[in-house]
Amino acid sequence: MATTNPIQFIQEVRAQVAKVVWPTRREVLLTTVMVFIMATLTAIFFALVDLGIRGGLNLLLSFFG
């Protein structure tokens, strides 16, 4: 395996970091809000599914028990 000069490595890293397109503050804010909205909707969905399954099992167990 070829060894790389540490100074050359740092220069290459800086060159690659300069190519990165960083998101704007507005993009970060919008994506953060979307993540919170999707997490909330997912939590509500699974809570409703849980209530449905629990209600069905209670009905089934009360029918046989």
C-alpha atoms as a PDB file:
ATOM      1  CA  MET A   1       0.000   0.000   0.000  1.00  0.00           C
ATOM      2  CA  ALA A   2       1.355   3.387  -0.996  1.00  0.00           C
ATOM      3  CA  THR A   3       2.098   5.873   1.734  1.00  0.00           C
ATOM      4  CA  THR A   4       0.869   9.422   1.398  1.00  0.00           C
ATOM      5  CA  ASN A   5       2.641  12.496   2.604  1.00  0.00           C
ATOM      6  CA  PRO A   6       0.583  13.973   5.484  1.00  0.00           C
ATOM      7  CA  ILE A   7       0.853  17.491   4.036  1.00  0.00           C
ATOM      8  CA  GLN A   8      -0.357  16.267   0.640  1.00  0.00           C
ATOM      9  CA  PHE A   9      -3.187  14.391   2.343  1.00  0.00           C
ATOM     10  CA  ILE A  10      -4.337  17.540   4.171  1.00  0.00           C
ATOM     11  CA  GLN A  11      -4.199  19.523   0.928  1.00  0.00           C
ATOM     12  CA  GLU A  12      -6.330  16.925  -0.843  1.00  0.00           C
ATOM     13  CA  VAL A  13      -8.832  16.881   2.013  1.00  0.00           C
ATOM     14  CA  ARG A  14      -9.142  20.673   1.899  1.00  0.00           C
ATOM     15  CA  ALA A  15      -9.638  20.520  -1.884  1.00  0.00           C
ATOM     16  CA  GLN A  16     -12.436  17.954  -1.483  1.00  0.00           C
ATOM     17  CA  VAL A  17     -14.122  19.922   1.324  1.00  0.00           C
ATOM     18  CA  ALA A  18     -14.072  23.027  -0.903  1.00  0.00           C
ATOM     19  CA  LYS A  19     -16.163  21.080  -3.468  1.00  0.00           C
ATOM     20  CA  VAL A  20     -18.927  20.340  -0.952  1.00  0.00           C
ATOM     21  CA  VAL A  21     -22.157  22.252  -1.524  1.00  0.00           C
ATOM     22  CA  TRP A  22     -23.394  23.178   1.941  1.00  0.00           C
ATOM     23  CA  PRO A  23     -27.141  23.649   2.485  1.00  0.00           C
ATOM     24  CA  THR A  24     -28.494  27.103   3.192  1.00  0.00           C
ATOM     25  CA  ARG A  25     -30.037  27.991   6.544  1.00  0.00           C
ATOM     26  CA  ARG A  26     -33.490  27.929   4.917  1.00  0.00           C
ATOM     27  CA  GLU A  27     -32.940  24.413   3.519  1.00  0.00           C
ATOM     28  CA  VAL A  28     -31.801  23.144   6.912  1.00  0.00           C
ATOM     29  CA  LEU A  29     -34.823  24.714   8.611  1.00  0.00           C
ATOM     30  CA  LEU A  30     -37.274  23.271   6.067  1.00  0.00           C
ATOM     31  CA  THR A  31     -35.843  19.762   6.211  1.00  0.00           C
ATOM     32  CA  THR A  32     -35.801  19.865  10.030  1.00  0.00           C
ATOM     33  CA  VAL A  33     -39.464  20.891  10.109  1.00  0.00           C
ATOM     34  CA  MET A  34     -40.315  18.130   7.625  1.00  0.00           C
ATOM     35  CA  VAL A  35     -38.560  15.541   9.806  1.00  0.00           C
ATOM     36  CA  PHE A  36     -40.569  16.638  12.849  1.00  0.00           C
ATOM     37  CA  ILE A  37     -43.820  16.555  10.860  1.00  0.00           C
ATOM     38  CA  MET A  38     -43.107  13.070   9.481  1.00  0.00           C
ATOM     39  CA  ALA A  39     -42.082  11.780  12.928  1.00  0.00           C
ATOM     40  CA  THR A  40     -45.322  13.124  14.401  1.00  0.00           C
ATOM     41  CA  LEU A  41     -47.448  11.597  11.646  1.00  0.00           C
ATOM     42  CA  THR A  42     -45.658   8.267  12.037  1.00  0.00           C
ATOM     43  CA  ALA A  43     -46.212   8.303  15.813  1.00  0.00           C
ATOM     44  CA  ILE A  44     -49.917   9.051  15.324  1.00  0.00           C
ATOM     45  CA  PHE A  45     -50.237   6.268  12.739  1.00  0.00           C
ATOM     46  CA  PHE A  46     -48.603   3.659  14.973  1.00  0.00           C
ATOM     47  CA  ALA A  47     -50.630   4.808  17.991  1.00  0.00           C
ATOM     48  CA  LEU A  48     -53.836   4.277  15.985  1.00  0.00           C
ATOM     49  CA  VAL A  49     -52.657   0.873  14.761  1.00  0.00           C
ATOM     50  CA  ASP A  50     -51.779  -0.075  18.353  1.00  0.00           C
ATOM     51  CA  LEU A  51     -55.224   0.998  19.572  1.00  0.00           C
ATOM     52  CA  GLY A  52     -56.863  -1.009  16.800  1.00  0.00           C
ATOM     53  CA  ILE A  53     -54.891  -4.154  17.536  1.00  0.00           C
ATOM     54  CA  ARG A  54     -55.449  -3.777  21.292  1.00  0.00           C
ATOM     55  CA  GLY A  55     -59.186  -3.288  20.785  1.00  0.00           C
ATOM     56  CA  GLY A  56     -59.383  -6.292  18.470  1.00  0.00           C
ATOM     57  CA  LEU A  57     -57.498  -8.507  20.899  1.00  0.00           C
ATOM     58  CA  ASN A  58     -59.626  -7.358  23.833  1.00  0.00           C
ATOM     59  CA  LEU A  59     -62.766  -8.119  21.829  1.00  0.00           C
ATOM     60  CA  LEU A  60     -61.418 -11.517  20.801  1.00  0.00           C
ATOM     61  CA  LEU A  61     -60.323 -12.422  24.344  1.00  0.00           C
ATOM     62  CA  SER A  62     -63.596 -11.277  25.865  1.00  0.00           C
ATOM     63  CA  PHE A  63     -65.486 -13.369  23.299  1.00  0.00           C
ATOM     64  CA  PHE A  64     -63.560 -16.539  24.211  1.00  0.00           C
ATOM     65  CA  GLY A  65     -62.941 -15.754  27.864  1.00  0.00           C
END
